C-alpha atoms as a PDB file:
ATOM      1  CA  UNK A   1     -15.972 -25.011  14.415  1.00  0.00           C
ATOM      2  CA  UNK A   2     -12.888 -23.793  16.273  1.00  0.00           C
ATOM      3  CA  UNK A   3      -9.136 -23.732  16.409  1.00  0.00           C
ATOM      4  CA  UNK A   4      -7.409 -26.673  18.041  1.00  0.00           C
ATOM      5  CA  UNK A   5      -4.379 -25.824  20.130  1.00  0.00           C
ATOM      6  CA  UNK A   6      -2.179 -26.813  23.033  1.00  0.00           C
ATOM      7  CA  UNK A   7      -0.909 -24.573  25.796  1.00  0.00           C
ATOM      8  CA  UNK A   8       2.662 -24.631  27.055  1.00  0.00           C
ATOM      9  CA  UNK A   9       5.133 -22.584  29.063  1.00  0.00           C
ATOM     10  CA  UNK A  10       8.327 -21.352  27.424  1.00  0.00           C
ATOM     11  CA  UNK A  11      10.912 -19.186  29.184  1.00  0.00           C
ATOM     12  CA  UNK A  12       8.378 -18.390  31.867  1.00  0.00           C
ATOM     13  CA  UNK A  13       5.723 -17.274  29.357  1.00  0.00           C
ATOM     14  CA  UNK A  14       2.524 -19.095  28.410  1.00  0.00           C
ATOM     15  CA  UNK A  15       1.902 -19.587  24.681  1.00  0.00           C
ATOM     16  CA  UNK A  16      -0.185 -21.644  22.265  1.00  0.00           C
ATOM     17  CA  UNK A  17       0.705 -24.252  19.646  1.00  0.00           C
ATOM     18  CA  UNK A  18      -1.911 -24.453  16.896  1.00  0.00           C
ATOM     19  CA  UNK A  19      -2.646 -28.089  16.024  1.00  0.00           C
ATOM     20  CA  UNK A  20      -5.574 -27.762  13.609  1.00  0.00           C
ATOM     21  CA  UNK A  21      -9.028 -26.416  12.903  1.00  0.00           C
ATOM     22  CA  UNK A  22     -12.273 -28.223  13.638  1.00  0.00           C
ATOM     23  CA  UNK A  23     -14.548 -27.827  10.626  1.00  0.00           C
ATOM     24  CA  UNK A  24     -14.290 -26.686   7.028  1.00  0.00           C
ATOM     25  CA  UNK A  25     -12.477 -23.450   6.270  1.00  0.00           C
ATOM     26  CA  UNK A  26     -11.460 -21.935   2.941  1.00  0.00           C
ATOM     27  CA  UNK A  27      -9.590 -18.820   4.046  1.00  0.00           C
ATOM     28  CA  UNK A  28      -7.687 -19.446   7.265  1.00  0.00           C
ATOM     29  CA  UNK A  29      -6.632 -16.237   9.023  1.00  0.00           C
ATOM     30  CA  UNK A  30      -4.876 -17.381  12.176  1.00  0.00           C
ATOM     31  CA  UNK A  31      -5.374 -14.904  15.057  1.00  0.00           C
ATOM     32  CA  UNK A  32      -2.362 -13.549  16.916  1.00  0.00           C
ATOM     33  CA  UNK A  33      -3.838 -14.746  20.213  1.00  0.00           C
ATOM     34  CA  UNK A  34      -6.484 -17.124  21.550  1.00  0.00           C
ATOM     35  CA  UNK A  35      -7.996 -17.678  24.958  1.00  0.00           C
ATOM     36  CA  UNK A  36      -6.040 -20.139  27.088  1.00  0.00           C
ATOM     37  CA  UNK A  37      -7.251 -22.523  29.773  1.00  0.00           C
ATOM     38  CA  UNK A  38      -7.274 -19.782  32.405  1.00  0.00           C
ATOM     39  CA  UNK A  39      -9.247 -17.425  30.180  1.00  0.00           C
ATOM     40  CA  UNK A  40      -6.206 -15.279  29.479  1.00  0.00           C
ATOM     41  CA  UNK A  41      -5.420 -14.311  25.881  1.00  0.00           C
ATOM     42  CA  UNK A  42      -2.191 -16.063  24.879  1.00  0.00           C
ATOM     43  CA  UNK A  43      -0.062 -15.622  21.724  1.00  0.00           C
ATOM     44  CA  UNK A  44      -0.085 -18.240  18.965  1.00  0.00           C
ATOM     45  CA  UNK A  45       3.612 -18.911  18.413  1.00  0.00           C
ATOM     46  CA  UNK A  46       3.808 -22.251  16.615  1.00  0.00           C
ATOM     47  CA  UNK A  47       2.043 -24.402  14.017  1.00  0.00           C
ATOM     48  CA  UNK A  48       2.301 -28.044  15.049  1.00  0.00           C
ATOM     49  CA  UNK A  49       3.603 -30.851  12.841  1.00  0.00           C
ATOM     50  CA  UNK A  50       0.891 -32.138  10.462  1.00  0.00           C
ATOM     51  CA  UNK A  51      -1.556 -29.539  11.860  1.00  0.00           C
ATOM     52  CA  UNK A  52      -3.229 -28.995   8.466  1.00  0.00           C
ATOM     53  CA  UNK A  53      -1.732 -31.929   6.592  1.00  0.00           C
ATOM     54  CA  UNK A  54      -3.808 -33.041   3.604  1.00  0.00           C
ATOM     55  CA  UNK A  55      -6.688 -30.577   3.961  1.00  0.00           C
ATOM     56  CA  UNK A  56      -8.623 -30.133   0.714  1.00  0.00           C
ATOM     57  CA  UNK A  57     -10.652 -27.109   1.837  1.00  0.00           C
ATOM     58  CA  UNK A  58      -7.868 -24.571   2.347  1.00  0.00           C
ATOM     59  CA  UNK A  59      -7.273 -22.057  -0.455  1.00  0.00           C
ATOM     60  CA  UNK A  60      -5.682 -19.214   1.494  1.00  0.00           C
ATOM     61  CA  UNK A  61      -3.704 -19.026   4.751  1.00  0.00           C
ATOM     62  CA  UNK A  62      -2.593 -15.938   6.664  1.00  0.00           C
ATOM     63  CA  UNK A  63      -0.284 -16.288   9.667  1.00  0.00           C
ATOM     64  CA  UNK A  64       0.207 -13.541  12.283  1.00  0.00           C
ATOM     65  CA  UNK A  65       3.484 -11.942  13.327  1.00  0.00           C
ATOM     66  CA  UNK A  66       3.447 -13.901  16.593  1.00  0.00           C
ATOM     67  CA  UNK A  67       4.175 -17.224  14.841  1.00  0.00           C
ATOM     68  CA  UNK A  68       7.838 -18.202  15.181  1.00  0.00           C
ATOM     69  CA  UNK A  69       7.837 -21.892  14.222  1.00  0.00           C
ATOM     70  CA  UNK A  70       6.357 -24.000  11.408  1.00  0.00           C
ATOM     71  CA  UNK A  71       6.824 -27.644  12.342  1.00  0.00           C
ATOM     72  CA  UNK A  72       7.420 -30.432   9.762  1.00  0.00           C
ATOM     73  CA  UNK A  73       4.571 -30.969   7.273  1.00  0.00           C
ATOM     74  CA  UNK A  74       2.348 -28.402   9.005  1.00  0.00           C
ATOM     75  CA  UNK A  75       0.594 -27.598   5.692  1.00  0.00           C
ATOM     76  CA  UNK A  76       1.787 -30.602   3.715  1.00  0.00           C
ATOM     77  CA  UNK A  77      -0.287 -31.730   0.718  1.00  0.00           C
ATOM     78  CA  UNK A  78      -2.929 -28.982   0.880  1.00  0.00           C
ATOM     79  CA  UNK A  79      -3.774 -29.500  -2.786  1.00  0.00           C
ATOM     80  CA  UNK A  80      -6.015 -26.461  -3.252  1.00  0.00           C
ATOM     81  CA  UNK A  81      -3.926 -23.953  -1.324  1.00  0.00           C
ATOM     82  CA  UNK A  82      -3.354 -20.958  -3.622  1.00  0.00           C
ATOM     83  CA  UNK A  83      -2.029 -18.163  -1.399  1.00  0.00           C
ATOM     84  CA  UNK A  84       0.036 -18.130   1.779  1.00  0.00           C
ATOM     85  CA  UNK A  85       1.196 -15.129   3.816  1.00  0.00           C
ATOM     86  CA  UNK A  86       3.439 -14.861   6.865  1.00  0.00           C
ATOM     87  CA  UNK A  87       6.055 -12.665   8.578  1.00  0.00           C
ATOM     88  CA  UNK A  88       9.805 -12.959   8.869  1.00  0.00           C
ATOM     89  CA  UNK A  89       9.182 -13.565  12.573  1.00  0.00           C
ATOM     90  CA  UNK A  90       9.252 -17.269  11.609  1.00  0.00           C
ATOM     91  CA  UNK A  91      12.647 -18.388  12.876  1.00  0.00           C
ATOM     92  CA  UNK A  92      12.256 -22.132  12.352  1.00  0.00           C
ATOM     93  CA  UNK A  93      10.755 -23.411   9.110  1.00  0.00           C
ATOM     94  CA  UNK A  94      10.932 -27.191   9.201  1.00  0.00           C
ATOM     95  CA  UNK A  95      11.272 -29.426   6.170  1.00  0.00           C
ATOM     96  CA  UNK A  96       8.070 -30.157   4.274  1.00  0.00           C
ATOM     97  CA  UNK A  97       5.945 -27.404   5.820  1.00  0.00           C
ATOM     98  CA  UNK A  98       4.548 -26.394   2.411  1.00  0.00           C
ATOM     99  CA  UNK A  99       5.622 -29.367   0.343  1.00  0.00           C
ATOM    100  CA  UNK A 100       3.202 -30.957  -2.130  1.00  0.00           C
ATOM    101  CA  UNK A 101       0.941 -27.911  -2.086  1.00  0.00           C
ATOM    102  CA  UNK A 102       0.623 -28.345  -5.847  1.00  0.00           C
ATOM    103  CA  UNK A 103      -1.637 -25.320  -6.438  1.00  0.00           C
ATOM    104  CA  UNK A 104       0.388 -22.856  -4.371  1.00  0.00           C
ATOM    105  CA  UNK A 105       1.525 -20.004  -6.606  1.00  0.00           C
ATOM    106  CA  UNK A 106       1.599 -16.897  -4.410  1.00  0.00           C
ATOM    107  CA  UNK A 107       3.478 -16.336  -1.151  1.00  0.00           C
ATOM    108  CA  UNK A 108       3.521 -12.978   0.641  1.00  0.00           C
ATOM    109  CA  UNK A 109       6.173 -12.322   3.281  1.00  0.00           C
ATOM    110  CA  UNK A 110       6.215  -9.225   5.482  1.00  0.00           C
ATOM    111  CA  UNK A 111       9.788  -8.274   6.348  1.00  0.00           C
ATOM    112  CA  UNK A 112      10.730  -6.253   9.419  1.00  0.00           C
ATOM    113  CA  UNK A 113      14.241  -7.517  10.168  1.00  0.00           C
ATOM    114  CA  UNK A 114      17.252  -6.056   8.399  1.00  0.00           C
ATOM    115  CA  UNK A 115      19.228  -8.351   6.088  1.00  0.00           C
ATOM    116  CA  UNK A 116      17.162 -11.387   6.984  1.00  0.00           C
ATOM    117  CA  UNK A 117      15.819 -13.479   4.093  1.00  0.00           C
ATOM    118  CA  UNK A 118      16.174 -16.971   5.543  1.00  0.00           C
ATOM    119  CA  UNK A 119      12.425 -17.632   5.503  1.00  0.00           C
ATOM    120  CA  UNK A 120      12.340 -16.707   1.796  1.00  0.00           C
ATOM    121  CA  UNK A 121      15.109 -19.233   1.098  1.00  0.00           C
ATOM    122  CA  UNK A 122      13.391 -21.919   3.154  1.00  0.00           C
ATOM    123  CA  UNK A 123      10.072 -21.651   1.330  1.00  0.00           C
ATOM    124  CA  UNK A 124      11.745 -21.561  -2.088  1.00  0.00           C
ATOM    125  CA  UNK A 125      13.771 -24.632  -1.156  1.00  0.00           C
ATOM    126  CA  UNK A 126      10.590 -26.473  -0.212  1.00  0.00           C
ATOM    127  CA  UNK A 127       8.914 -25.923  -3.587  1.00  0.00           C
ATOM    128  CA  UNK A 128      10.201 -26.763  -7.082  1.00  0.00           C
ATOM    129  CA  UNK A 129       7.181 -25.332  -8.918  1.00  0.00           C
ATOM    130  CA  UNK A 130       6.631 -21.838 -10.274  1.00  0.00           C
ATOM    131  CA  UNK A 131       6.200 -19.468  -7.351  1.00  0.00           C
ATOM    132  CA  UNK A 132       5.558 -15.746  -6.944  1.00  0.00           C
ATOM    133  CA  UNK A 133       7.153 -14.180  -3.862  1.00  0.00           C
ATOM    134  CA  UNK A 134       5.645 -10.845  -2.837  1.00  0.00           C
ATOM    135  CA  UNK A 135       8.078  -9.295  -0.356  1.00  0.00           C
ATOM    136  CA  UNK A 136       6.875  -6.291   1.644  1.00  0.00           C
ATOM    137  CA  UNK A 137       9.512  -4.500   3.700  1.00  0.00           C
ATOM    138  CA  UNK A 138       8.086  -2.568   6.644  1.00  0.00           C
ATOM    139  CA  UNK A 139      10.185   0.008   8.479  1.00  0.00           C
ATOM    140  CA  UNK A 140       8.084   2.389  10.556  1.00  0.00           C
ATOM    141  CA  UNK A 141       5.736   4.172   8.183  1.00  0.00           C
ATOM    142  CA  UNK A 142       7.992   3.409   5.228  1.00  0.00           C
ATOM    143  CA  UNK A 143       7.061   0.443   3.049  1.00  0.00           C
ATOM    144  CA  UNK A 144       8.913  -1.017   0.081  1.00  0.00           C
ATOM    145  CA  UNK A 145       7.959  -4.063  -1.910  1.00  0.00           C
ATOM    146  CA  UNK A 146       8.982  -6.284  -4.767  1.00  0.00           C
ATOM    147  CA  UNK A 147       7.354  -9.162  -6.593  1.00  0.00           C
ATOM    148  CA  UNK A 148       9.719 -11.880  -7.754  1.00  0.00           C
ATOM    149  CA  UNK A 149       8.620 -14.820  -9.881  1.00  0.00           C
ATOM    150  CA  UNK A 150      10.625 -18.025  -9.671  1.00  0.00           C
ATOM    151  CA  UNK A 151      10.269 -20.587 -12.495  1.00  0.00           C
ATOM    152  CA  UNK A 152       9.840 -24.247 -11.700  1.00  0.00           C
ATOM    153  CA  UNK A 153      12.501 -26.885 -12.212  1.00  0.00           C
ATOM    154  CA  UNK A 154      12.917 -30.660 -12.214  1.00  0.00           C
ATOM    155  CA  UNK A 155      15.635 -32.421 -10.241  1.00  0.00           C
ATOM    156  CA  UNK A 156      16.297 -35.779 -11.892  1.00  0.00           C
ATOM    157  CA  UNK A 157      18.426 -38.570 -10.492  1.00  0.00           C
ATOM    158  CA  UNK A 158      19.712 -41.190 -12.932  1.00  0.00           C
ATOM    159  CA  UNK A 159      21.309 -44.384 -11.701  1.00  0.00           C
ATOM    160  CA  UNK A 160      24.320 -45.794 -13.539  1.00  0.00           C
ATOM    161  CA  UNK A 161      24.136 -49.416 -12.440  1.00  0.00           C
ATOM    162  CA  UNK A 162      27.342 -50.424 -14.212  1.00  0.00           C
ATOM    163  CA  UNK A 163      29.413 -47.736 -12.496  1.00  0.00           C
ATOM    164  CA  UNK A 164      27.329 -47.875  -9.317  1.00  0.00           C
ATOM    165  CA  UNK A 165      26.871 -44.126  -9.402  1.00  0.00           C
ATOM    166  CA  UNK A 166      23.989 -41.671  -9.179  1.00  0.00           C
ATOM    167  CA  UNK A 167      23.919 -38.695 -11.545  1.00  0.00           C
ATOM    168  CA  UNK A 168      21.920 -35.628 -10.517  1.00  0.00           C
ATOM    169  CA  UNK A 169      20.548 -33.458 -13.334  1.00  0.00           C
ATOM    170  CA  UNK A 170      18.542 -30.257 -12.925  1.00  0.00           C
ATOM    171  CA  UNK A 171      16.250 -29.223 -15.784  1.00  0.00           C
ATOM    172  CA  UNK A 172      14.948 -25.670 -16.006  1.00  0.00           C
ATOM    173  CA  UNK A 173      16.252 -22.351 -14.710  1.00  0.00           C
ATOM    174  CA  UNK A 174      14.159 -22.327 -11.535  1.00  0.00           C
ATOM    175  CA  UNK A 175      16.982 -23.643  -9.377  1.00  0.00           C
ATOM    176  CA  UNK A 176      19.365 -20.917 -10.580  1.00  0.00           C
ATOM    177  CA  UNK A 177      16.737 -18.270  -9.859  1.00  0.00           C
ATOM    178  CA  UNK A 178      16.363 -19.601  -6.311  1.00  0.00           C
ATOM    179  CA  UNK A 179      20.104 -19.270  -5.751  1.00  0.00           C
ATOM    180  CA  UNK A 180      19.805 -15.483  -6.084  1.00  0.00           C
ATOM    181  CA  UNK A 181      18.228 -15.377  -2.620  1.00  0.00           C
ATOM    182  CA  UNK A 182      20.795 -15.486   0.166  1.00  0.00           C
ATOM    183  CA  UNK A 183      20.361 -15.547   3.914  1.00  0.00           C
ATOM    184  CA  UNK A 184      21.164 -11.847   4.248  1.00  0.00           C
ATOM    185  CA  UNK A 185      20.377 -10.380   0.835  1.00  0.00           C
ATOM    186  CA  UNK A 186      18.797 -10.880  -2.571  1.00  0.00           C
ATOM    187  CA  UNK A 187      21.085 -10.531  -5.576  1.00  0.00           C
ATOM    188  CA  UNK A 188      18.742  -8.536  -7.818  1.00  0.00           C
ATOM    189  CA  UNK A 189      21.438  -8.033 -10.448  1.00  0.00           C
ATOM    190  CA  UNK A 190      21.929 -11.790 -10.852  1.00  0.00           C
ATOM    191  CA  UNK A 191      18.160 -12.320 -10.808  1.00  0.00           C
ATOM    192  CA  UNK A 192      17.796  -9.912 -13.728  1.00  0.00           C
ATOM    193  CA  UNK A 193      20.766 -11.401 -15.589  1.00  0.00           C
ATOM    194  CA  UNK A 194      19.029 -14.793 -15.672  1.00  0.00           C
ATOM    195  CA  UNK A 195      16.167 -13.425 -17.765  1.00  0.00           C
ATOM    196  CA  UNK A 196      17.434 -14.752 -21.102  1.00  0.00           C
ATOM    197  CA  UNK A 197      17.445 -18.256 -19.626  1.00  0.00           C
ATOM    198  CA  UNK A 198      13.892 -17.783 -18.420  1.00  0.00           C
ATOM    199  CA  UNK A 199      12.779 -16.772 -21.913  1.00  0.00           C
ATOM    200  CA  UNK A 200      14.270 -19.982 -23.285  1.00  0.00           C
ATOM    201  CA  UNK A 201      13.245 -22.358 -20.471  1.00  0.00           C
ATOM    202  CA  UNK A 202       9.964 -20.885 -19.201  1.00  0.00           C
ATOM    203  CA  UNK A 203       8.592 -18.239 -21.536  1.00  0.00           C
ATOM    204  CA  UNK A 204       5.245 -17.993 -19.739  1.00  0.00           C
ATOM    205  CA  UNK A 205       6.960 -17.312 -16.421  1.00  0.00           C
ATOM    206  CA  UNK A 206       9.261 -14.837 -18.167  1.00  0.00           C
ATOM    207  CA  UNK A 207       6.217 -12.678 -18.934  1.00  0.00           C
ATOM    208  CA  UNK A 208       5.401 -12.432 -15.242  1.00  0.00           C
ATOM    209  CA  UNK A 209       9.051 -11.915 -14.300  1.00  0.00           C
ATOM    210  CA  UNK A 210       9.235  -8.906 -16.621  1.00  0.00           C
ATOM    211  CA  UNK A 211       5.930  -7.433 -15.465  1.00  0.00           C
ATOM    212  CA  UNK A 212       6.775  -7.983 -11.812  1.00  0.00           C
ATOM    213  CA  UNK A 213      10.156  -6.267 -12.031  1.00  0.00           C
ATOM    214  CA  UNK A 214       8.752  -3.300 -13.960  1.00  0.00           C
ATOM    215  CA  UNK A 215       5.849  -2.876 -11.566  1.00  0.00           C
ATOM    216  CA  UNK A 216       8.047  -3.057  -8.463  1.00  0.00           C
ATOM    217  CA  UNK A 217      11.475  -1.890  -9.738  1.00  0.00           C
ATOM    218  CA  UNK A 218      13.428  -2.362  -6.514  1.00  0.00           C
ATOM    219  CA  UNK A 219      17.179  -2.255  -7.332  1.00  0.00           C
ATOM    220  CA  UNK A 220      16.348  -2.484 -11.058  1.00  0.00           C
ATOM    221  CA  UNK A 221      19.203  -1.264 -13.255  1.00  0.00           C
ATOM    222  CA  UNK A 222      18.414   0.642 -16.496  1.00  0.00           C
ATOM    223  CA  UNK A 223      19.916  -2.115 -18.660  1.00  0.00           C
ATOM    224  CA  UNK A 224      17.691  -4.763 -17.077  1.00  0.00           C
ATOM    225  CA  UNK A 225      14.656  -2.507 -17.316  1.00  0.00           C
ATOM    226  CA  UNK A 226      15.267  -2.062 -21.029  1.00  0.00           C
ATOM    227  CA  UNK A 227      15.605  -5.839 -21.512  1.00  0.00           C
ATOM    228  CA  UNK A 228      12.254  -6.428 -19.837  1.00  0.00           C
ATOM    229  CA  UNK A 229      10.532  -3.724 -21.887  1.00  0.00           C
ATOM    230  CA  UNK A 230      12.013  -5.002 -25.164  1.00  0.00           C
ATOM    231  CA  UNK A 231      10.763  -8.512 -24.406  1.00  0.00           C
ATOM    232  CA  UNK A 232       7.241  -7.352 -23.515  1.00  0.00           C
ATOM    233  CA  UNK A 233       7.059  -5.220 -26.651  1.00  0.00           C
ATOM    234  CA  UNK A 234       8.392  -7.981 -28.903  1.00  0.00           C
ATOM    235  CA  UNK A 235       6.207 -10.684 -27.368  1.00  0.00           C
ATOM    236  CA  UNK A 236       3.099  -8.584 -26.774  1.00  0.00           C
ATOM    237  CA  UNK A 237       0.663 -10.923 -28.568  1.00  0.00           C
ATOM    238  CA  UNK A 238       1.997 -13.957 -26.719  1.00  0.00           C
ATOM    239  CA  UNK A 239       1.991 -12.121 -23.385  1.00  0.00           C
ATOM    240  CA  UNK A 240      -1.508 -10.688 -23.729  1.00  0.00           C
ATOM    241  CA  UNK A 241      -2.900 -14.070 -24.739  1.00  0.00           C
ATOM    242  CA  UNK A 242      -1.269 -15.630 -21.664  1.00  0.00           C
ATOM    243  CA  UNK A 243      -2.716 -13.006 -19.316  1.00  0.00           C
ATOM    244  CA  UNK A 244      -6.180 -13.428 -20.805  1.00  0.00           C
ATOM    245  CA  UNK A 245      -6.059 -17.207 -20.467  1.00  0.00           C
ATOM    246  CA  UNK A 246      -4.893 -16.831 -16.853  1.00  0.00           C
ATOM    247  CA  UNK A 247      -7.640 -14.263 -16.158  1.00  0.00           C
ATOM    248  CA  UNK A 248      -4.977 -11.831 -14.933  1.00  0.00           C
ATOM    249  CA  UNK A 249      -6.794  -8.559 -15.612  1.00  0.00           C
ATOM    250  CA  UNK A 250      -4.763  -6.647 -13.035  1.00  0.00           C
ATOM    251  CA  UNK A 251      -1.552  -7.492 -14.881  1.00  0.00           C
ATOM    252  CA  UNK A 252      -3.161  -6.604 -18.194  1.00  0.00           C
ATOM    253  CA  UNK A 253      -4.094  -3.186 -16.801  1.00  0.00           C
ATOM    254  CA  UNK A 254      -0.474  -2.630 -15.798  1.00  0.00           C
ATOM    255  CA  UNK A 255       0.675  -3.802 -19.239  1.00  0.00           C
ATOM    256  CA  UNK A 256      -1.458  -1.049 -20.781  1.00  0.00           C
ATOM    257  CA  UNK A 257       0.255   1.525 -18.569  1.00  0.00           C
ATOM    258  CA  UNK A 258       3.609   0.564 -20.106  1.00  0.00           C
ATOM    259  CA  UNK A 259       2.371   1.621 -23.585  1.00  0.00           C
ATOM    260  CA  UNK A 260       4.058  -1.336 -25.273  1.00  0.00           C
ATOM    261  CA  UNK A 261       1.107  -3.063 -26.937  1.00  0.00           C
ATOM    262  CA  UNK A 262       0.778  -3.121 -30.713  1.00  0.00           C
ATOM    263  CA  UNK A 263      -2.453  -2.796 -32.691  1.00  0.00           C
ATOM    264  CA  UNK A 264      -2.441  -6.513 -33.331  1.00  0.00           C
ATOM    265  CA  UNK A 265      -2.179  -7.393 -29.643  1.00  0.00           C
ATOM    266  CA  UNK A 266      -4.898  -4.916 -28.684  1.00  0.00           C
ATOM    267  CA  UNK A 267      -7.230  -6.141 -31.433  1.00  0.00           C
ATOM    268  CA  UNK A 268      -6.811  -9.773 -30.390  1.00  0.00           C
ATOM    269  CA  UNK A 269      -7.457  -8.858 -26.758  1.00  0.00           C
ATOM    270  CA  UNK A 270     -10.576  -6.881 -27.644  1.00  0.00           C
ATOM    271  CA  UNK A 271     -11.924  -9.709 -29.764  1.00  0.00           C
ATOM    272  CA  UNK A 272     -11.471 -12.125 -26.873  1.00  0.00           C
ATOM    273  CA  UNK A 273     -12.913  -9.789 -24.236  1.00  0.00           C
ATOM    274  CA  UNK A 274     -15.960  -9.013 -26.369  1.00  0.00           C
ATOM    275  CA  UNK A 275     -17.092 -12.560 -25.598  1.00  0.00           C
ATOM    276  CA  UNK A 276     -16.297 -12.345 -21.884  1.00  0.00           C
ATOM    277  CA  UNK A 277     -17.908 -10.486 -19.004  1.00  0.00           C
ATOM    278  CA  UNK A 278     -15.115  -7.945 -18.593  1.00  0.00           C
ATOM    279  CA  UNK A 279     -16.667  -4.545 -19.449  1.00  0.00           C
ATOM    280  CA  UNK A 280     -14.077  -2.496 -17.521  1.00  0.00           C
ATOM    281  CA  UNK A 281     -11.119  -4.127 -19.251  1.00  0.00           C
ATOM    282  CA  UNK A 282     -12.859  -3.873 -22.598  1.00  0.00           C
ATOM    283  CA  UNK A 283     -13.377  -0.140 -22.069  1.00  0.00           C
ATOM    284  CA  UNK A 284      -9.738   0.365 -21.064  1.00  0.00           C
ATOM    285  CA  UNK A 285      -8.500  -1.377 -24.198  1.00  0.00           C
ATOM    286  CA  UNK A 286     -10.829   0.598 -26.454  1.00  0.00           C
ATOM    287  CA  UNK A 287      -9.570   3.819 -24.880  1.00  0.00           C
ATOM    288  CA  UNK A 288      -5.950   2.675 -25.299  1.00  0.00           C
ATOM    289  CA  UNK A 289      -6.629   1.843 -28.952  1.00  0.00           C
ATOM    290  CA  UNK A 290      -8.224   5.218 -29.582  1.00  0.00           C
ATOM    291  CA  UNK A 291      -5.462   7.208 -27.889  1.00  0.00           C
ATOM    292  CA  UNK A 292      -2.553   5.339 -29.430  1.00  0.00           C
ATOM    293  CA  UNK A 293      -3.856   4.366 -32.857  1.00  0.00           C
ATOM    294  CA  UNK A 294      -6.834   6.686 -33.303  1.00  0.00           C
ATOM    295  CA  UNK A 295      -5.159   8.598 -36.111  1.00  0.00           C
ATOM    296  CA  UNK A 296      -4.702   5.444 -38.181  1.00  0.00           C
ATOM    297  CA  UNK A 297      -8.010   4.384 -39.712  1.00  0.00           C
ATOM    298  CA  UNK A 298      -7.050   0.906 -40.739  1.00  0.00           C
ATOM    299  CA  UNK A 299      -9.726  -1.750 -40.566  1.00  0.00           C
ATOM    300  CA  UNK A 300      -7.284  -4.075 -38.786  1.00  0.00           C
ATOM    301  CA  UNK A 301      -8.095  -2.198 -35.588  1.00  0.00           C
ATOM    302  CA  UNK A 302     -10.980  -3.515 -33.514  1.00  0.00           C
ATOM    303  CA  UNK A 303     -14.012  -1.228 -33.274  1.00  0.00           C
ATOM    304  CA  UNK A 304     -17.335  -1.213 -31.461  1.00  0.00           C
ATOM    305  CA  UNK A 305     -18.931  -2.549 -34.652  1.00  0.00           C
ATOM    306  CA  UNK A 306     -17.214  -5.881 -33.951  1.00  0.00           C
ATOM    307  CA  UNK A 307     -19.119  -6.330 -30.687  1.00  0.00           C
END
């Protein structure tokens, strides 16, 4: 089992083009360099067209900072790919590189360049499904990050045969959310202003949008923060149920830190977790219940007797 690659010379420098991987691999962490024909370690700078097209084994891919080019359909139709990470060193992202990766939900991008979000735009434009973009800005020892969730959308084309015209209709707010990302900046204010549409069009995604913005409040205005908190407090039962069904215990832990959950939401969560193998989360919820509602001895609260 080994990486497949080709060696070439570019601007007087030798480099490698990765063309595949021989053997099964679940988590693909591409090295920054591999040994060339002469035995010298050479940088991996490009992922070839169709290099990993249609692979069913991949669930996670991590690309190094040396990669500058993703050729067409390099990871096309990797149906079980869940997570993908790369750097903003990628200058050329060709059409279809991550298309039809139907399970892909999480993309992490490490940003080092100033005012350069083209790779974020390219990946969002290649995917019409719900997508979480974890952006980590590195500047020396300083590190800032944000986690933005983008709802899915459907682009429908209807043909009017009588008029010989095509009518394009976009359903869902995902396209509008994607338009908040420009080549040089992200319009966080517009992103936050779209939240009411997300609640109406994609309520499940709205839960994650609110949690993501509160957890990483980069450029978050007080008015938008309040809107997110009001939603999570009003829809706490719905939100907690969603997180439990998605097995998102990390997000549930953060939800507890916001101190927005009602007795009803906590009781429902405890009842569910009492039947699951989640002792740590169960203990956290019991502690939250005791601290916040301990003075109220109503039987509606969940207790250890229910276990």
